[in-house]
Amino acid sequence: MTMDEHATCPAVGHFDPLSPVFLADPFAVLNSLPSDAPVFYAPSIDYYVVTRYADIEAVFLDPETYSAAPAQLPLAELVPEARQILLGGGHKPQPSMVSLDPPAHTRLRSPTVRAFTPRRVTQMEPTIRRTVDQLLHAVDPSAPFDLVSTLTFPLPATIIFSFVGIPESDWPQLKEWCGHRASLAWGRPTAGEQVHHAKNMATYRNYLRELVAAKANARRDDFASALLAIHDEDPAALTHEEISSILYSLTFAGHETTNYLIGNVVRRLLEDPARWNAVVADPKLIPGAVLETLRYDPSVPAWRRVTKKG
């Protein structure tokens, strides 16, 4: 973007996606933005913000104009010690599918799609249904419960970790490492916090390298082993380091984004009981819904029983 173009783009000085006000109610803040400025510059994060769905989709579908390179860069500038820890641990914004543009992106995406076969996806369905049932049946319908810790976090984490091939005994540690990654990339940690997060991220990356090395000699029917089988066909086309990078992206994005999506959808339903009641009355309003997992007692207004941490 040229300086002249920058001059014509409005700036919204009060917009800060990391502020307590935004985190408490992002929808209210977004609704308060000027309707005539769907694209604006946010000084708080030094980024341009695109707010309309159609515009966001257009950005994603036009890699020749818009680059994905900054996708893995932290919003806050890292202190030198944190940067050195990350580099020393082999952590780099690239190679990573989400931060590479074509053709490099396509080269990593192609084996990922091959390993993510329809058969493997279909095999996940019983596990997903069983996990949803277990989590929902553990809820006491007579008492409030925390939506995130009870459902939206453990559900996708359980599914993606098992899908990748992470041993169940390591799932709590993976969850903790993912938290460090989120805090470092999309927060404003202090210098000391940055160093702490960076050490954990370096350990996280090294764990995945060791996992790939171990599975190279002990294959199982999981996603990591499927990627290794593709590596066997042409080791130079998909290296072990690139496989660990793919797993690094998937073990994080495969549950964190789903966690937020489910949580925000439920929140929006609960803000208006009429929305909740409409979905309960006709679950088909949710495309692809697992209908038999819905449990509804009309004598107990479910929208009053759910709490969600900010």
Protein backbone atom coordinates (compact mmCIF):
# COMPACT_ATOMS: atom_id res chain seq x y z
CA MET A 1 0.00 0.00 0.00
CA THR A 2 1.45 3.39 -1.01
CA MET A 3 1.56 6.44 1.22
CA ASP A 4 -1.20 8.07 -0.86
CA GLU A 5 -3.42 5.03 -0.39
CA HIS A 6 -2.64 5.04 3.33
CA ALA A 7 -3.76 8.65 3.51
CA THR A 8 -7.19 7.78 2.13
CA CYS A 9 -7.77 4.85 4.47
CA PRO A 10 -9.55 5.89 7.68
CA ALA A 11 -7.95 5.14 11.02
CA VAL A 12 -9.98 4.06 14.04
CA GLY A 13 -7.87 5.00 17.00
CA HIS A 14 -10.06 3.44 19.68
CA PHE A 15 -10.17 -0.01 18.08
CA ASP A 16 -8.01 -2.45 20.02
CA PRO A 17 -8.81 -6.20 19.74
CA LEU A 18 -6.63 -6.89 22.78
CA SER A 19 -8.33 -4.39 25.07
CA PRO A 20 -10.47 -5.53 28.03
CA VAL A 21 -13.50 -3.82 26.45
CA PHE A 22 -13.17 -5.76 23.20
CA LEU A 23 -12.45 -9.07 24.89
CA ALA A 24 -15.47 -8.64 27.16
CA ASP A 25 -17.86 -8.12 24.24
CA PRO A 26 -16.28 -8.06 20.76
CA PHE A 27 -19.67 -7.96 19.05
CA ALA A 28 -20.64 -4.71 20.76
CA VAL A 29 -17.35 -3.10 19.73
CA LEU A 30 -17.69 -4.28 16.14
CA ASN A 31 -21.25 -2.97 16.00
CA SER A 32 -20.01 0.44 17.14
CA LEU A 33 -17.54 0.81 14.28
CA PRO A 34 -18.33 3.32 11.53
CA SER A 35 -20.54 1.65 8.92
CA ASP A 36 -18.86 3.64 6.16
CA ALA A 37 -15.40 2.27 7.04
CA PRO A 38 -15.47 -1.51 6.53
CA VAL A 39 -11.69 -1.33 6.07
CA PHE A 40 -9.62 0.82 8.41
CA TYR A 41 -6.21 1.19 9.97
CA ALA A 42 -5.86 0.25 13.67
CA PRO A 43 -2.86 2.03 15.25
CA SER A 44 -3.13 -0.18 18.35
CA ILE A 45 -1.88 -3.21 16.40
CA ASP A 46 -0.38 -1.48 13.33
CA TYR A 47 -2.58 -3.50 10.99
CA TYR A 48 -5.38 -2.82 8.55
CA VAL A 49 -8.67 -4.37 9.65
CA VAL A 50 -11.21 -5.82 7.22
CA THR A 51 -14.66 -6.34 8.77
CA ARG A 52 -17.06 -7.50 6.03
CA TYR A 53 -17.37 -11.21 5.24
CA ALA A 54 -17.30 -10.71 1.48
CA ASP A 55 -14.16 -8.56 1.71
CA ILE A 56 -12.42 -11.07 4.00
CA GLU A 57 -13.27 -13.87 1.58
CA ALA A 58 -11.91 -11.80 -1.30
CA VAL A 59 -8.62 -11.33 0.57
CA PHE A 60 -8.26 -15.05 1.22
CA LEU A 61 -8.98 -15.89 -2.41
CA ASP A 62 -6.46 -13.42 -3.84
CA PRO A 63 -2.95 -14.54 -2.77
CA GLU A 64 -1.38 -12.58 -5.61
CA THR A 65 -2.45 -9.32 -3.98
CA TYR A 66 -2.50 -10.27 -0.29
CA SER A 67 0.30 -12.24 1.37
CA ALA A 68 -0.09 -14.72 4.22
CA ALA A 69 3.49 -14.11 5.39
CA PRO A 70 2.55 -12.09 8.53
CA ALA A 71 0.00 -14.70 9.68
CA GLN A 72 2.30 -16.21 12.32
CA LEU A 73 3.94 -12.98 13.46
CA PRO A 74 3.16 -11.89 17.05
CA LEU A 75 1.03 -8.77 17.36
CA ALA A 76 3.42 -7.37 19.96
CA GLU A 77 7.11 -6.91 19.16
CA LEU A 78 9.21 -9.57 20.84
CA VAL A 79 12.16 -8.75 23.06
CA PRO A 80 15.54 -9.99 21.76
CA GLU A 81 15.80 -12.80 24.33
CA ALA A 82 12.41 -14.24 23.34
CA ARG A 83 13.30 -14.06 19.65
CA GLN A 84 16.60 -15.84 20.28
CA ILE A 85 14.89 -18.61 22.23
CA LEU A 86 12.42 -19.18 19.41
CA LEU A 87 15.10 -19.23 16.72
CA GLY A 88 17.30 -21.48 18.83
CA GLY A 89 14.40 -23.88 19.22
CA GLY A 90 13.86 -23.99 15.48
CA HIS A 91 10.66 -21.95 15.57
CA LYS A 92 10.17 -19.79 12.49
CA PRO A 93 7.08 -18.15 11.00
CA GLN A 94 7.93 -20.21 7.91
CA PRO A 95 7.71 -22.91 6.72
CA SER A 96 4.10 -23.11 7.77
CA MET A 97 1.10 -23.66 5.55
CA VAL A 98 -0.78 -20.71 7.02
CA SER A 99 2.12 -18.29 6.46
CA LEU A 100 3.20 -19.36 2.98
CA ASP A 101 1.88 -18.09 -0.34
CA PRO A 102 1.50 -20.24 -3.47
CA PRO A 103 3.32 -22.16 -4.83
CA ALA A 104 5.10 -22.93 -1.53
CA HIS A 105 1.74 -23.16 0.25
CA THR A 106 0.42 -25.61 -2.34
CA ARG A 107 3.48 -27.82 -1.99
CA LEU A 108 2.76 -28.34 1.73
CA ARG A 109 -1.00 -28.37 1.41
CA SER A 110 -1.06 -31.13 -1.20
CA PRO A 111 0.36 -33.90 1.05
CA THR A 112 -1.81 -32.65 3.90
CA VAL A 113 -4.93 -33.09 1.77
CA ARG A 114 -3.74 -36.52 0.69
CA ALA A 115 -3.30 -37.63 4.31
CA PHE A 116 -6.65 -36.07 5.30
CA THR A 117 -8.59 -38.69 3.34
CA PRO A 118 -12.38 -39.07 3.31
CA ARG A 119 -11.93 -42.47 4.94
CA ARG A 120 -9.94 -40.97 7.80
CA VAL A 121 -12.50 -38.20 8.28
CA THR A 122 -15.37 -40.71 8.26
CA GLN A 123 -13.56 -42.78 10.88
CA MET A 124 -13.56 -39.75 13.17
CA GLU A 125 -17.36 -39.52 13.33
CA PRO A 126 -17.99 -42.22 15.99
CA THR A 127 -15.27 -40.73 18.19
CA ILE A 128 -16.76 -37.25 17.83
CA ARG A 129 -20.27 -38.46 18.67
CA ARG A 130 -19.03 -40.50 21.62
CA THR A 131 -16.97 -37.59 22.94
CA VAL A 132 -19.88 -35.14 22.65
CA ASP A 133 -22.17 -37.56 24.48
CA GLN A 134 -19.65 -38.13 27.27
CA LEU A 135 -19.06 -34.41 27.77
CA LEU A 136 -22.77 -33.51 27.74
CA HIS A 137 -23.80 -36.37 30.02
CA ALA A 138 -21.21 -35.21 32.56
CA VAL A 139 -23.05 -31.89 32.90
CA ASP A 140 -25.38 -31.45 35.87
CA PRO A 141 -28.54 -29.95 34.30
CA SER A 142 -29.55 -28.42 37.62
CA ALA A 143 -26.42 -26.28 38.03
CA PRO A 144 -24.52 -23.68 36.01
CA PHE A 145 -21.38 -24.87 34.25
CA ASP A 146 -18.48 -23.31 32.40
CA LEU A 147 -19.01 -23.81 28.70
CA VAL A 148 -15.36 -23.58 27.67
CA SER A 149 -13.78 -25.96 30.16
CA THR A 150 -16.72 -28.37 29.97
CA LEU A 151 -17.32 -28.61 26.24
CA THR A 152 -15.84 -26.22 23.69
CA PHE A 153 -12.21 -26.79 24.69
CA PRO A 154 -12.05 -30.54 25.47
CA LEU A 155 -14.14 -31.58 22.45
CA PRO A 156 -11.93 -30.34 19.58
CA ALA A 157 -8.73 -30.93 21.55
CA THR A 158 -9.62 -34.58 22.13
CA ILE A 159 -10.53 -35.11 18.49
CA ILE A 160 -7.56 -33.41 16.86
CA PHE A 161 -4.93 -34.81 19.23
CA SER A 162 -6.19 -38.36 18.74
CA PHE A 163 -6.49 -37.78 14.99
CA VAL A 164 -2.89 -36.60 14.72
CA GLY A 165 -1.60 -39.46 16.83
CA ILE A 166 -0.63 -37.68 20.05
CA PRO A 167 -0.54 -40.13 22.99
CA GLU A 168 -3.43 -39.38 25.35
CA SER A 169 -1.04 -39.03 28.29
CA ASP A 170 0.48 -36.00 26.52
CA TRP A 171 -2.78 -34.17 25.78
CA PRO A 172 -2.71 -31.95 28.91
CA GLN A 173 0.83 -30.85 28.06
CA LEU A 174 -0.16 -30.06 24.47
CA LYS A 175 -3.06 -27.96 25.73
CA GLU A 176 -0.70 -26.00 27.95
CA TRP A 177 1.78 -25.41 25.13
CA CYS A 178 -1.01 -24.20 22.86
CA GLY A 179 -1.96 -21.68 25.53
CA HIS A 180 1.59 -20.32 25.54
CA ARG A 181 1.51 -20.03 21.77
CA ALA A 182 -1.78 -18.11 21.81
CA SER A 183 -0.56 -15.74 24.53
CA LEU A 184 2.68 -14.96 22.74
CA ALA A 185 1.19 -14.52 19.27
CA TRP A 186 -2.08 -12.76 20.08
CA GLY A 187 -1.49 -10.95 23.35
CA ARG A 188 0.65 -8.26 24.94
CA PRO A 189 2.87 -10.27 27.29
CA THR A 190 5.55 -8.55 29.33
CA ALA A 191 9.21 -9.19 28.54
CA GLY A 192 9.38 -11.87 31.23
CA GLU A 193 6.18 -13.49 30.00
CA GLN A 194 7.51 -13.48 26.44
CA VAL A 195 10.59 -15.41 27.52
CA HIS A 196 8.45 -17.90 29.44
CA HIS A 197 6.12 -18.43 26.49
CA ALA A 198 9.04 -18.70 24.04
CA LYS A 199 10.71 -21.45 26.10
CA ASN A 200 7.48 -23.44 26.09
CA MET A 201 6.97 -22.94 22.36
CA ALA A 202 10.49 -24.17 21.65
CA THR A 203 9.78 -27.23 23.79
CA TYR A 204 6.49 -27.71 21.95
CA ARG A 205 8.25 -27.69 18.56
CA ASN A 206 10.91 -30.10 19.77
CA TYR A 207 8.25 -32.49 21.11
CA LEU A 208 6.65 -32.67 17.66
CA ARG A 209 10.02 -33.33 16.02
CA GLU A 210 10.58 -36.21 18.41
CA LEU A 211 7.04 -37.47 17.77
CA VAL A 212 7.68 -37.55 14.01
CA ALA A 213 11.00 -39.33 14.52
CA ALA A 214 9.38 -41.93 16.77
CA LYS A 215 6.50 -42.56 14.37
CA ALA A 216 8.92 -42.95 11.49
CA ASN A 217 9.91 -46.25 13.12
CA ALA A 218 6.52 -47.17 14.59
CA ARG A 219 3.69 -46.30 12.21
CA ARG A 220 0.06 -46.35 13.26
CA ASP A 221 -3.24 -45.48 11.61
CA ASP A 222 -3.07 -41.76 12.30
CA PHE A 223 -2.47 -38.50 10.43
CA ALA A 224 1.22 -38.19 11.35
CA SER A 225 1.93 -41.69 10.07
CA ALA A 226 0.04 -40.93 6.86
CA LEU A 227 2.27 -37.91 6.25
CA LEU A 228 5.33 -40.09 6.87
CA ALA A 229 4.08 -42.55 4.26
CA ILE A 230 3.97 -39.67 1.77
CA HIS A 231 7.49 -38.70 2.87
CA ASP A 232 8.65 -42.23 2.05
CA GLU A 233 7.60 -41.74 -1.59
CA ASP A 234 9.91 -38.72 -1.97
CA PRO A 235 11.84 -37.69 1.17
CA ALA A 236 13.00 -34.43 -0.41
CA ALA A 237 9.46 -33.36 -1.33
CA LEU A 238 8.19 -33.57 2.26
CA THR A 239 10.82 -33.56 4.98
CA HIS A 240 10.45 -34.62 8.61
CA GLU A 241 10.86 -30.98 9.63
CA GLU A 242 8.01 -29.96 7.34
CA ILE A 243 5.84 -32.73 8.78
CA SER A 244 6.49 -31.47 12.30
CA SER A 245 5.62 -27.96 11.08
CA ILE A 246 2.31 -29.22 9.67
CA LEU A 247 1.58 -30.92 12.99
CA TYR A 248 2.51 -27.72 14.82
CA SER A 249 -0.11 -25.81 12.84
CA LEU A 250 -2.78 -28.51 13.06
CA THR A 251 -2.47 -29.31 16.77
CA PHE A 252 -3.07 -25.62 17.50
CA ALA A 253 -5.53 -24.46 14.84
CA GLY A 254 -7.36 -27.77 14.92
CA HIS A 255 -8.78 -27.07 18.36
CA GLU A 256 -8.24 -23.43 19.37
CA THR A 257 -10.21 -21.99 16.45
CA THR A 258 -12.98 -24.57 16.90
CA ASN A 259 -13.10 -23.82 20.60
CA TYR A 260 -13.67 -20.12 19.92
CA LEU A 261 -16.15 -20.81 17.14
CA ILE A 262 -18.37 -23.07 19.26
CA GLY A 263 -18.11 -20.77 22.26
CA ASN A 264 -19.05 -17.67 20.28
CA VAL A 265 -21.93 -19.41 18.51
CA VAL A 266 -23.41 -20.56 21.82
CA ARG A 267 -22.88 -17.12 23.29
CA ARG A 268 -24.78 -15.50 20.43
CA LEU A 269 -27.61 -17.99 20.88
CA LEU A 270 -27.80 -17.36 24.61
CA GLU A 271 -27.86 -13.58 24.24
CA ASP A 272 -31.35 -13.95 22.78
CA PRO A 273 -33.47 -16.82 24.19
CA ALA A 274 -35.60 -16.71 21.02
CA ARG A 275 -32.56 -17.79 18.99
CA TRP A 276 -31.86 -20.65 21.38
CA ASN A 277 -35.47 -21.80 21.39
CA ALA A 278 -35.63 -21.69 17.59
CA VAL A 279 -32.62 -24.02 17.28
CA VAL A 280 -33.97 -26.34 19.97
CA ALA A 281 -37.32 -26.50 18.16
CA ASP A 282 -35.67 -27.14 14.79
CA PRO A 283 -32.07 -28.43 15.03
CA LYS A 284 -31.95 -28.58 11.24
CA LEU A 285 -31.34 -24.83 11.37
CA ILE A 286 -27.73 -25.85 12.11
CA PRO A 287 -26.32 -27.41 8.90
CA GLY A 288 -24.77 -30.80 9.60
CA ALA A 289 -25.97 -30.88 13.20
CA VAL A 290 -25.64 -34.14 15.13
CA LEU A 291 -29.31 -34.20 16.01
CA GLU A 292 -29.37 -37.03 18.49
CA THR A 293 -26.89 -35.31 20.82
CA LEU A 294 -29.34 -32.52 21.61
CA ARG A 295 -31.05 -32.95 24.96
CA TYR A 296 -33.84 -30.54 25.84
CA ASP A 297 -36.16 -30.36 28.82
CA PRO A 298 -38.76 -27.65 28.18
CA SER A 299 -39.32 -27.31 31.93
CA VAL A 300 -35.74 -26.07 32.41
CA PRO A 301 -34.69 -23.03 30.35
CA ALA A 302 -31.27 -24.23 29.20
CA TRP A 303 -30.10 -20.76 28.23
CA ARG A 304 -30.10 -19.81 31.91
CA ARG A 305 -27.93 -22.71 32.96
CA VAL A 306 -24.81 -22.02 30.94
CA THR A 307 -22.00 -19.71 31.99
CA LYS A 308 -18.92 -18.85 30.00
CA LYS A 309 -15.69 -17.33 31.24
CA GLY A 310 -14.75 -14.08 29.55
